[in-house]
Amino acid sequence: MASESERVTIRIPPDKINRLQTLVKSGEFSTISDAIRAAIDRFIDQQFAPDYIRKMTIELPKGNVVDLQQLVRSGDSVSIEDAIRNAVREYVRRRVTKAIEKTDE
């Protein structure tokens, strides 16, 4: 059963089309349309996340991404996103603990 969809026409600058074509050529996406759909899905997921969730986009140096991928491969995390959530959670826990200890002095 094919999913229903509507055709939408948009204008995209040539430099953006070139980047999308690079993603297709590298195998990241099958078509430019797939890449655009993925971007739209990510945008909508971010904009309409439940109130108790704040979705963010972060940029990391490639070396950090490789480290995170290694954590996933070794089983420490189920995904890169999970590894990042765990790191942020641990960082916040340490900072809060340190702040509490300072107020107790």
PDB file of N, CA and C in Angstrom:
ATOM      1  N   MET A   1       0.851  -1.175   0.000  1.00  0.00           N
ATOM      2  CA  MET A   1       0.000   0.000   0.000  1.00  0.00           C
ATOM      3  C   MET A   1       0.896   1.237   0.000  1.00  0.00           C
ATOM      4  N   ALA A   2       0.748   2.079  -0.986  1.00  0.00           N
ATOM      5  CA  ALA A   2       1.535   3.310  -1.096  1.00  0.00           C
ATOM      6  C   ALA A   2       0.988   4.364  -0.139  1.00  0.00           C
ATOM      7  N   SER A   3       1.896   5.110   0.472  1.00  0.00           N
ATOM      8  CA  SER A   3       1.443   6.171   1.366  1.00  0.00           C
ATOM      9  C   SER A   3       0.976   7.360   0.540  1.00  0.00           C
ATOM     10  N   GLU A   4       0.023   8.065   1.093  1.00  0.00           N
ATOM     11  CA  GLU A   4      -0.486   9.255   0.401  1.00  0.00           C
ATOM     12  C   GLU A   4       0.478  10.412   0.625  1.00  0.00           C
ATOM     13  N   SER A   5       0.638  11.203  -0.402  1.00  0.00           N
ATOM     14  CA  SER A   5       1.479  12.389  -0.275  1.00  0.00           C
ATOM     15  C   SER A   5       1.016  13.415  -1.294  1.00  0.00           C
ATOM     16  N   GLU A   6       1.444  14.636  -1.065  1.00  0.00           N
ATOM     17  CA  GLU A   6       1.132  15.721  -1.993  1.00  0.00           C
ATOM     18  C   GLU A   6       2.422  16.254  -2.572  1.00  0.00           C
ATOM     19  N   ARG A   7       2.355  16.722  -3.787  1.00  0.00           N
ATOM     20  CA  ARG A   7       3.517  17.317  -4.434  1.00  0.00           C
ATOM     21  C   ARG A   7       3.581  18.793  -4.059  1.00  0.00           C
ATOM     22  N   VAL A   8       4.770  19.227  -3.685  1.00  0.00           N
ATOM     23  CA  VAL A   8       5.018  20.619  -3.348  1.00  0.00           C
ATOM     24  C   VAL A   8       6.234  21.060  -4.155  1.00  0.00           C
ATOM     25  N   THR A   9       6.149  22.209  -4.756  1.00  0.00           N
ATOM     26  CA  THR A   9       7.267  22.737  -5.524  1.00  0.00           C
ATOM     27  C   THR A   9       7.938  23.840  -4.717  1.00  0.00           C
ATOM     28  N   ILE A  10       9.255  23.748  -4.596  1.00  0.00           N
ATOM     29  CA  ILE A  10      10.014  24.780  -3.883  1.00  0.00           C
ATOM     30  C   ILE A  10      11.218  25.172  -4.731  1.00  0.00           C
ATOM     31  N   ARG A  11      11.719  26.341  -4.473  1.00  0.00           N
ATOM     32  CA  ARG A  11      12.932  26.797  -5.151  1.00  0.00           C
ATOM     33  C   ARG A  11      14.076  26.705  -4.149  1.00  0.00           C
ATOM     34  N   ILE A  12      15.172  26.122  -4.608  1.00  0.00           N
ATOM     35  CA  ILE A  12      16.335  25.921  -3.747  1.00  0.00           C
ATOM     36  C   ILE A  12      17.556  26.478  -4.480  1.00  0.00           C
ATOM     37  N   PRO A  13      18.363  27.270  -3.804  1.00  0.00           N
ATOM     38  CA  PRO A  13      19.557  27.845  -4.448  1.00  0.00           C
ATOM     39  C   PRO A  13      20.496  26.740  -4.951  1.00  0.00           C
ATOM     40  N   PRO A  14      21.227  27.028  -6.027  1.00  0.00           N
ATOM     41  CA  PRO A  14      22.130  26.033  -6.618  1.00  0.00           C
ATOM     42  C   PRO A  14      23.148  25.447  -5.631  1.00  0.00           C
ATOM     43  N   ASP A  15      23.676  26.273  -4.724  1.00  0.00           N
ATOM     44  CA  ASP A  15      24.660  25.737  -3.777  1.00  0.00           C
ATOM     45  C   ASP A  15      24.047  24.679  -2.864  1.00  0.00           C
ATOM     46  N   LYS A  16      22.790  24.864  -2.508  1.00  0.00           N
ATOM     47  CA  LYS A  16      22.102  23.867  -1.674  1.00  0.00           C
ATOM     48  C   LYS A  16      21.823  22.592  -2.473  1.00  0.00           C
ATOM     49  N   ILE A  17      21.438  22.748  -3.747  1.00  0.00           N
ATOM     50  CA  ILE A  17      21.206  21.586  -4.612  1.00  0.00           C
ATOM     51  C   ILE A  17      22.506  20.790  -4.757  1.00  0.00           C
ATOM     52  N   ASN A  18      23.623  21.493  -4.934  1.00  0.00           N
ATOM     53  CA  ASN A  18      24.918  20.806  -5.045  1.00  0.00           C
ATOM     54  C   ASN A  18      25.232  20.008  -3.793  1.00  0.00           C
ATOM     55  N   ARG A  19      24.938  20.565  -2.650  1.00  0.00           N
ATOM     56  CA  ARG A  19      25.189  19.845  -1.389  1.00  0.00           C
ATOM     57  C   ARG A  19      24.275  18.633  -1.259  1.00  0.00           C
ATOM     58  N   LEU A  20      23.013  18.803  -1.668  1.00  0.00           N
ATOM     59  CA  LEU A  20      22.086  17.677  -1.639  1.00  0.00           C
ATOM     60  C   LEU A  20      22.551  16.580  -2.590  1.00  0.00           C
ATOM     61  N   GLN A  21      23.038  16.951  -3.766  1.00  0.00           N
ATOM     62  CA  GLN A  21      23.548  15.968  -4.722  1.00  0.00           C
ATOM     63  C   GLN A  21      24.763  15.233  -4.156  1.00  0.00           C
ATOM     64  N   THR A  22      25.583  15.937  -3.405  1.00  0.00           N
ATOM     65  CA  THR A  22      26.732  15.302  -2.767  1.00  0.00           C
ATOM     66  C   THR A  22      26.275  14.240  -1.768  1.00  0.00           C
ATOM     67  N   LEU A  23      25.223  14.546  -1.021  1.00  0.00           N
ATOM     68  CA  LEU A  23      24.689  13.561  -0.076  1.00  0.00           C
ATOM     69  C   LEU A  23      24.159  12.328  -0.801  1.00  0.00           C
ATOM     70  N   VAL A  24      23.530  12.545  -1.940  1.00  0.00           N
ATOM     71  CA  VAL A  24      23.011  11.423  -2.728  1.00  0.00           C
ATOM     72  C   VAL A  24      24.175  10.597  -3.294  1.00  0.00           C
ATOM     73  N   LYS A  25      25.164  11.270  -3.860  1.00  0.00           N
ATOM     74  CA  LYS A  25      26.314  10.573  -4.446  1.00  0.00           C
ATOM     75  C   LYS A  25      27.091   9.778  -3.402  1.00  0.00           C
ATOM     76  N   SER A  26      27.138  10.288  -2.171  1.00  0.00           N
ATOM     77  CA  SER A  26      27.868   9.585  -1.108  1.00  0.00           C
ATOM     78  C   SER A  26      27.076   8.409  -0.541  1.00  0.00           C
ATOM     79  N   GLY A  27      25.817   8.283  -0.982  1.00  0.00           N
ATOM     80  CA  GLY A  27      24.993   7.170  -0.505  1.00  0.00           C
ATOM     81  C   GLY A  27      24.214   7.458   0.758  1.00  0.00           C
ATOM     82  N   GLU A  28      24.322   8.683   1.248  1.00  0.00           N
ATOM     83  CA  GLU A  28      23.595   9.062   2.469  1.00  0.00           C
ATOM     84  C   GLU A  28      22.085   9.001   2.241  1.00  0.00           C
ATOM     85  N   PHE A  29      21.646   9.378   1.035  1.00  0.00           N
ATOM     86  CA  PHE A  29      20.238   9.332   0.647  1.00  0.00           C
ATOM     87  C   PHE A  29      20.138   8.774  -0.763  1.00  0.00           C
ATOM     88  N   SER A  30      18.988   8.175  -1.067  1.00  0.00           N
ATOM     89  CA  SER A  30      18.775   7.613  -2.408  1.00  0.00           C
ATOM     90  C   SER A  30      18.522   8.699  -3.439  1.00  0.00           C
ATOM     91  N   THR A  31      17.796   9.734  -3.026  1.00  0.00           N
ATOM     92  CA  THR A  31      17.434  10.818  -3.933  1.00  0.00           C
ATOM     93  C   THR A  31      17.469  12.143  -3.190  1.00  0.00           C
ATOM     94  N   ILE A  32      17.479  13.228  -3.952  1.00  0.00           N
ATOM     95  CA  ILE A  32      17.390  14.557  -3.333  1.00  0.00           C
ATOM     96  C   ILE A  32      16.063  14.685  -2.590  1.00  0.00           C
ATOM     97  N   SER A  33      15.006  14.141  -3.157  1.00  0.00           N
ATOM     98  CA  SER A  33      13.700  14.199  -2.483  1.00  0.00           C
ATOM     99  C   SER A  33      13.751  13.513  -1.126  1.00  0.00           C
ATOM    100  N   ASP A  34      14.444  12.367  -1.036  1.00  0.00           N
ATOM    101  CA  ASP A  34      14.573  11.677   0.252  1.00  0.00           C
ATOM    102  C   ASP A  34      15.321  12.547   1.265  1.00  0.00           C
ATOM    103  N   ALA A  35      16.367  13.232   0.803  1.00  0.00           N
ATOM    104  CA  ALA A  35      17.128  14.104   1.704  1.00  0.00           C
ATOM    105  C   ALA A  35      16.259  15.251   2.206  1.00  0.00           C
ATOM    106  N   ILE A  36      15.478  15.835   1.319  1.00  0.00           N
ATOM    107  CA  ILE A  36      14.598  16.946   1.705  1.00  0.00           C
ATOM    108  C   ILE A  36      13.518  16.459   2.660  1.00  0.00           C
ATOM    109  N   ARG A  37      12.943  15.285   2.368  1.00  0.00           N
ATOM    110  CA  ARG A  37      11.927  14.722   3.281  1.00  0.00           C
ATOM    111  C   ARG A  37      12.515  14.485   4.665  1.00  0.00           C
ATOM    112  N   ALA A  38      13.747  13.968   4.726  1.00  0.00           N
ATOM    113  CA  ALA A  38      14.397  13.724   6.019  1.00  0.00           C
ATOM    114  C   ALA A  38      14.596  15.031   6.777  1.00  0.00           C
ATOM    115  N   ALA A  39      14.996  16.078   6.067  1.00  0.00           N
ATOM    116  CA  ALA A  39      15.183  17.382   6.706  1.00  0.00           C
ATOM    117  C   ALA A  39      13.858  17.928   7.232  1.00  0.00           C
ATOM    118  N   ILE A  40      12.805  17.776   6.438  1.00  0.00           N
ATOM    119  CA  ILE A  40      11.484  18.242   6.869  1.00  0.00           C
ATOM    120  C   ILE A  40      11.013  17.437   8.079  1.00  0.00           C
ATOM    121  N   ASP A  41      11.205  16.120   8.050  1.00  0.00           N
ATOM    122  CA  ASP A  41      10.818  15.278   9.194  1.00  0.00           C
ATOM    123  C   ASP A  41      11.539  15.718  10.460  1.00  0.00           C
ATOM    124  N   ARG A  42      12.853  15.956  10.347  1.00  0.00           N
ATOM    125  CA  ARG A  42      13.630  16.385  11.512  1.00  0.00           C
ATOM    126  C   ARG A  42      13.130  17.735  12.031  1.00  0.00           C
ATOM    127  N   PHE A  43      12.857  18.668  11.125  1.00  0.00           N
ATOM    128  CA  PHE A  43      12.361  19.992  11.509  1.00  0.00           C
ATOM    129  C   PHE A  43      11.020  19.877  12.234  1.00  0.00           C
ATOM    130  N   ILE A  44      10.103  19.090  11.673  1.00  0.00           N
ATOM    131  CA  ILE A  44       8.778  18.942  12.290  1.00  0.00           C
ATOM    132  C   ILE A  44       8.890  18.246  13.643  1.00  0.00           C
ATOM    133  N   ASP A  45       9.717  17.192  13.736  1.00  0.00           N
ATOM    134  CA  ASP A  45       9.906  16.511  15.025  1.00  0.00           C
ATOM    135  C   ASP A  45      10.431  17.474  16.076  1.00  0.00           C
ATOM    136  N   GLN A  46      11.347  18.342  15.669  1.00  0.00           N
ATOM    137  CA  GLN A  46      11.928  19.299  16.607  1.00  0.00           C
ATOM    138  C   GLN A  46      10.904  20.348  17.033  1.00  0.00           C
ATOM    139  N   GLN A  47      10.131  20.850  16.096  1.00  0.00           N
ATOM    140  CA  GLN A  47       9.163  21.905  16.389  1.00  0.00           C
ATOM    141  C   GLN A  47       7.972  21.404  17.188  1.00  0.00           C
ATOM    142  N   PHE A  48       7.609  20.144  17.009  1.00  0.00           N
ATOM    143  CA  PHE A  48       6.414  19.614  17.662  1.00  0.00           C
ATOM    144  C   PHE A  48       6.731  18.549  18.707  1.00  0.00           C
ATOM    145  N   ALA A  49       7.907  18.627  19.311  1.00  0.00           N
ATOM    146  CA  ALA A  49       8.258  17.714  20.392  1.00  0.00           C
ATOM    147  C   ALA A  49       7.326  17.960  21.577  1.00  0.00           C
ATOM    148  N   PRO A  50       7.060  16.925  22.381  1.00  0.00           N
ATOM    149  CA  PRO A  50       6.224  17.125  23.571  1.00  0.00           C
ATOM    150  C   PRO A  50       6.814  18.210  24.465  1.00  0.00           C
ATOM    151  N   ASP A  51       5.968  18.841  25.252  1.00  0.00           N
ATOM    152  CA  ASP A  51       6.393  19.956  26.106  1.00  0.00           C
ATOM    153  C   ASP A  51       7.518  19.583  27.068  1.00  0.00           C
ATOM    154  N   TYR A  52       7.585  18.316  27.483  1.00  0.00           N
ATOM    155  CA  TYR A  52       8.596  17.916  28.448  1.00  0.00           C
ATOM    156  C   TYR A  52       9.940  17.575  27.780  1.00  0.00           C
ATOM    157  N   ILE A  53       9.998  17.698  26.460  1.00  0.00           N
ATOM    158  CA  ILE A  53      11.233  17.417  25.729  1.00  0.00           C
ATOM    159  C   ILE A  53      11.644  18.654  24.948  1.00  0.00           C
ATOM    160  N   ARG A  54      12.909  18.973  25.021  1.00  0.00           N
ATOM    161  CA  ARG A  54      13.468  20.066  24.223  1.00  0.00           C
ATOM    162  C   ARG A  54      14.494  19.442  23.287  1.00  0.00           C
ATOM    163  N   LYS A  55      14.182  19.391  22.022  1.00  0.00           N
ATOM    164  CA  LYS A  55      15.109  18.824  21.055  1.00  0.00           C
ATOM    165  C   LYS A  55      16.057  19.903  20.588  1.00  0.00           C
ATOM    166  N   MET A  56      17.328  19.526  20.481  1.00  0.00           N
ATOM    167  CA  MET A  56      18.351  20.483  20.090  1.00  0.00           C
ATOM    168  C   MET A  56      19.215  19.863  19.001  1.00  0.00           C
ATOM    169  N   THR A  57      19.795  20.711  18.213  1.00  0.00           N
ATOM    170  CA  THR A  57      20.767  20.285  17.224  1.00  0.00           C
ATOM    171  C   THR A  57      22.114  20.805  17.669  1.00  0.00           C
ATOM    172  N   ILE A  58      23.108  19.917  17.687  1.00  0.00           N
ATOM    173  CA  ILE A  58      24.441  20.337  18.101  1.00  0.00           C
ATOM    174  C   ILE A  58      25.439  20.001  16.996  1.00  0.00           C
ATOM    175  N   GLU A  59      26.516  20.746  16.966  1.00  0.00           N
ATOM    176  CA  GLU A  59      27.604  20.479  16.036  1.00  0.00           C
ATOM    177  C   GLU A  59      28.789  20.009  16.862  1.00  0.00           C
ATOM    178  N   LEU A  60      29.352  18.876  16.449  1.00  0.00           N
ATOM    179  CA  LEU A  60      30.495  18.315  17.148  1.00  0.00           C
ATOM    180  C   LEU A  60      31.656  18.128  16.182  1.00  0.00           C
ATOM    181  N   PRO A  61      32.874  18.279  16.684  1.00  0.00           N
ATOM    182  CA  PRO A  61      34.017  17.951  15.839  1.00  0.00           C
ATOM    183  C   PRO A  61      33.971  16.467  15.453  1.00  0.00           C
ATOM    184  N   LYS A  62      34.476  16.153  14.268  1.00  0.00           N
ATOM    185  CA  LYS A  62      34.418  14.772  13.776  1.00  0.00           C
ATOM    186  C   LYS A  62      35.046  13.793  14.751  1.00  0.00           C
ATOM    187  N   GLY A  63      36.101  14.215  15.429  1.00  0.00           N
ATOM    188  CA  GLY A  63      36.752  13.331  16.398  1.00  0.00           C
ATOM    189  C   GLY A  63      35.810  12.915  17.515  1.00  0.00           C
ATOM    190  N   ASN A  64      34.997  13.842  17.985  1.00  0.00           N
ATOM    191  CA  ASN A  64      34.027  13.517  19.019  1.00  0.00           C
ATOM    192  C   ASN A  64      32.960  12.556  18.506  1.00  0.00           C
ATOM    193  N   VAL A  65      32.565  12.742  17.264  1.00  0.00           N
ATOM    194  CA  VAL A  65      31.572  11.852  16.669  1.00  0.00           C
ATOM    195  C   VAL A  65      32.129  10.435  16.572  1.00  0.00           C
ATOM    196  N   VAL A  66      33.396  10.317  16.178  1.00  0.00           N
ATOM    197  CA  VAL A  66      34.041   9.003  16.109  1.00  0.00           C
ATOM    198  C   VAL A  66      34.071   8.373  17.501  1.00  0.00           C
ATOM    199  N   ASP A  67      34.406   9.156  18.521  1.00  0.00           N
ATOM    200  CA  ASP A  67      34.408   8.646  19.903  1.00  0.00           C
ATOM    201  C   ASP A  67      33.016   8.164  20.305  1.00  0.00           C
ATOM    202  N   LEU A  68      31.999   8.935  19.956  1.00  0.00           N
ATOM    203  CA  LEU A  68      30.629   8.539  20.295  1.00  0.00           C
ATOM    204  C   LEU A  68      30.228   7.270  19.554  1.00  0.00           C
ATOM    205  N   GLN A  69      30.624   7.150  18.289  1.00  0.00           N
ATOM    206  CA  GLN A  69      30.328   5.932  17.528  1.00  0.00           C
ATOM    207  C   GLN A  69      30.991   4.724  18.185  1.00  0.00           C
ATOM    208  N   GLN A  70      32.193   4.914  18.708  1.00  0.00           N
ATOM    209  CA  GLN A  70      32.887   3.821  19.391  1.00  0.00           C
ATOM    210  C   GLN A  70      32.132   3.405  20.653  1.00  0.00           C
ATOM    211  N   LEU A  71      31.593   4.364  21.398  1.00  0.00           N
ATOM    212  CA  LEU A  71      30.787   4.031  22.578  1.00  0.00           C
ATOM    213  C   LEU A  71      29.583   3.184  22.191  1.00  0.00           C
ATOM    214  N   VAL A  72      28.966   3.520  21.076  1.00  0.00           N
ATOM    215  CA  VAL A  72      27.806   2.758  20.604  1.00  0.00           C
ATOM    216  C   VAL A  72      28.242   1.351  20.218  1.00  0.00           C
ATOM    217  N   ARG A  73      29.332   1.245  19.449  1.00  0.00           N
ATOM    218  CA  ARG A  73      29.813  -0.082  19.009  1.00  0.00           C
ATOM    219  C   ARG A  73      30.200  -0.964  20.198  1.00  0.00           C
ATOM    220  N   SER A  74      30.750  -0.348  21.240  1.00  0.00           N
ATOM    221  CA  SER A  74      31.177  -1.133  22.403  1.00  0.00           C
ATOM    222  C   SER A  74      30.014  -1.476  23.337  1.00  0.00           C
ATOM    223  N   GLY A  75      28.837  -0.924  23.044  1.00  0.00           N
ATOM    224  CA  GLY A  75      27.664  -1.263  23.847  1.00  0.00           C
ATOM    225  C   GLY A  75      27.407  -0.332  25.016  1.00  0.00           C
ATOM    226  N   ASP A  76      28.200   0.718  25.164  1.00  0.00           N
ATOM    227  CA  ASP A  76      27.984   1.652  26.270  1.00  0.00           C
ATOM    228  C   ASP A  76      26.723   2.492  26.080  1.00  0.00           C
ATOM    229  N   SER A  77      26.312   2.653  24.838  1.00  0.00           N
ATOM    230  CA  SER A  77      25.107   3.422  24.517  1.00  0.00           C
ATOM    231  C   SER A  77      24.410   2.748  23.347  1.00  0.00           C
ATOM    232  N   VAL A  78      23.107   2.977  23.253  1.00  0.00           N
ATOM    233  CA  VAL A  78      22.360   2.357  22.157  1.00  0.00           C
ATOM    234  C   VAL A  78      22.413   3.192  20.880  1.00  0.00           C
ATOM    235  N   SER A  79      22.764   4.471  21.013  1.00  0.00           N
ATOM    236  CA  SER A  79      22.857   5.355  19.857  1.00  0.00           C
ATOM    237  C   SER A  79      23.737   6.538  20.232  1.00  0.00           C
ATOM    238  N   ILE A  80      24.143   7.289  19.223  1.00  0.00           N
ATOM    239  CA  ILE A  80      24.925   8.500  19.500  1.00  0.00           C
ATOM    240  C   ILE A  80      24.100   9.462  20.334  1.00  0.00           C
ATOM    241  N   GLU A  81      22.815   9.583  20.003  1.00  0.00           N
ATOM    242  CA  GLU A  81      21.938  10.478  20.765  1.00  0.00           C
ATOM    243  C   GLU A  81      21.880  10.057  22.228  1.00  0.00           C
ATOM    244  N   ASP A  82      21.820   8.740  22.475  1.00  0.00           N
ATOM    245  CA  ASP A  82      21.791   8.226  23.839  1.00  0.00           C
ATOM    246  C   ASP A  82      23.105   8.552  24.559  1.00  0.00           C
ATOM    247  N   ALA A  83      24.222   8.414  23.870  1.00  0.00           N
ATOM    248  CA  ALA A  83      25.522   8.736  24.473  1.00  0.00           C
ATOM    249  C   ALA A  83      25.591  10.208  24.859  1.00  0.00           C
ATOM    250  N   ILE A  84      25.077  11.069  23.997  1.00  0.00           N
ATOM    251  CA  ILE A  84      25.066  12.508  24.292  1.00  0.00           C
ATOM    252  C   ILE A  84      24.160  12.799  25.483  1.00  0.00           C
ATOM    253  N   ARG A  85      22.961  12.195  25.498  1.00  0.00           N
ATOM    254  CA  ARG A  85      22.057  12.397  26.644  1.00  0.00           C
ATOM    255  C   ARG A  85      22.722  11.959  27.945  1.00  0.00           C
ATOM    256  N   ASN A  86      23.397  10.797  27.916  1.00  0.00           N
ATOM    257  CA  ASN A  86      24.073  10.298  29.117  1.00  0.00           C
ATOM    258  C   ASN A  86      25.184  11.250  29.558  1.00  0.00           C
ATOM    259  N   ALA A  87      25.941  11.769  28.598  1.00  0.00           N
ATOM    260  CA  ALA A  87      27.031  12.691  28.934  1.00  0.00           C
ATOM    261  C   ALA A  87      26.486  13.977  29.548  1.00  0.00           C
ATOM    262  N   VAL A  88      25.432  14.510  28.974  1.00  0.00           N
ATOM    263  CA  VAL A  88      24.826  15.740  29.499  1.00  0.00           C
ATOM    264  C   VAL A  88      24.256  15.481  30.893  1.00  0.00           C
ATOM    265  N   ARG A  89      23.561  14.365  31.053  1.00  0.00           N
ATOM    266  CA  ARG A  89      22.977  14.012  32.353  1.00  0.00           C
ATOM    267  C   ARG A  89      24.071  13.920  33.421  1.00  0.00           C
ATOM    268  N   GLU A  90      25.193  13.251  33.086  1.00  0.00           N
ATOM    269  CA  GLU A  90      26.295  13.101  34.036  1.00  0.00           C
ATOM    270  C   GLU A  90      26.946  14.449  34.346  1.00  0.00           C
ATOM    271  N   TYR A  91      27.123  15.286  33.334  1.00  0.00           N
ATOM    272  CA  TYR A  91      27.706  16.607  33.530  1.00  0.00           C
ATOM    273  C   TYR A  91      26.836  17.444  34.476  1.00  0.00           C
ATOM    274  N   VAL A  92      25.540  17.453  34.230  1.00  0.00           N
ATOM    275  CA  VAL A  92      24.621  18.232  35.069  1.00  0.00           C
ATOM    276  C   VAL A  92      24.619  17.680  36.493  1.00  0.00           C
ATOM    277  N   ARG A  93      24.606  16.359  36.635  1.00  0.00           N
ATOM    278  CA  ARG A  93      24.632  15.755  37.977  1.00  0.00           C
ATOM    279  C   ARG A  93      25.875  16.185  38.736  1.00  0.00           C
ATOM    280  N   ARG A  94      27.034  16.153  38.082  1.00  0.00           N
ATOM    281  CA  ARG A  94      28.286  16.567  38.743  1.00  0.00           C
ATOM    282  C   ARG A  94      28.258  18.039  39.128  1.00  0.00           C
ATOM    283  N   ARG A  95      27.765  18.886  38.229  1.00  0.00           N
ATOM    284  CA  ARG A  95      27.710  20.331  38.517  1.00  0.00           C
ATOM    285  C   ARG A  95      26.766  20.626  39.683  1.00  0.00           C
ATOM    286  N   VAL A  96      25.620  19.968  39.705  1.00  0.00           N
ATOM    287  CA  VAL A  96      24.661  20.181  40.791  1.00  0.00           C
ATOM    288  C   VAL A  96      25.261  19.699  42.110  1.00  0.00           C
ATOM    289  N   THR A  97      25.889  18.527  42.100  1.00  0.00           N
ATOM    290  CA  THR A  97      26.524  18.009  43.309  1.00  0.00           C
ATOM    291  C   THR A  97      27.584  18.975  43.809  1.00  0.00           C
ATOM    292  N   LYS A  98      28.398  19.483  42.895  1.00  0.00           N
ATOM    293  CA  LYS A  98      29.455  20.439  43.279  1.00  0.00           C
ATOM    294  C   LYS A  98      28.862  21.718  43.855  1.00  0.00           C
ATOM    295  N   ALA A  99      27.785  22.220  43.256  1.00  0.00           N
ATOM    296  CA  ALA A  99      27.124  23.432  43.758  1.00  0.00           C
ATOM    297  C   ALA A  99      26.533  23.201  45.144  1.00  0.00           C
ATOM    298  N   ILE A 100      25.971  22.044  45.366  1.00  0.00           N
ATOM    299  CA  ILE A 100      25.397  21.718  46.679  1.00  0.00           C
ATOM    300  C   ILE A 100      26.500  21.648  47.722  1.00  0.00           C
ATOM    301  N   GLU A 101      27.606  21.028  47.370  1.00  0.00           N
ATOM    302  CA  GLU A 101      28.729  20.925  48.303  1.00  0.00           C
ATOM    303  C   GLU A 101      29.271  22.304  48.673  1.00  0.00           C
ATOM    304  N   LYS A 102      29.299  23.228  47.722  1.00  0.00           N
ATOM    305  CA  LYS A 102      29.786  24.585  48.015  1.00  0.00           C
ATOM    306  C   LYS A 102      28.853  25.315  48.973  1.00  0.00           C
ATOM    307  N   THR A 103      27.539  25.107  48.814  1.00  0.00           N
ATOM    308  CA  THR A 103      26.588  25.799  49.705  1.00  0.00           C
ATOM    309  C   THR A 103      26.603  25.201  51.109  1.00  0.00           C
ATOM    310  N   ASP A 104      27.059  23.943  51.232  1.00  0.00           N
ATOM    311  CA  ASP A 104      27.136  23.295  52.551  1.00  0.00           C
ATOM    312  C   ASP A 104      28.365  23.716  53.338  1.00  0.00           C
ATOM    313  N   GLU A 105      29.342  24.340  52.644  1.00  0.00           N
ATOM    314  CA  GLU A 105      30.587  24.722  53.327  1.00  0.00           C
ATOM    315  C   GLU A 105      30.414  25.886  54.245  1.00  0.00           C
TER     316      GLU A 105
END
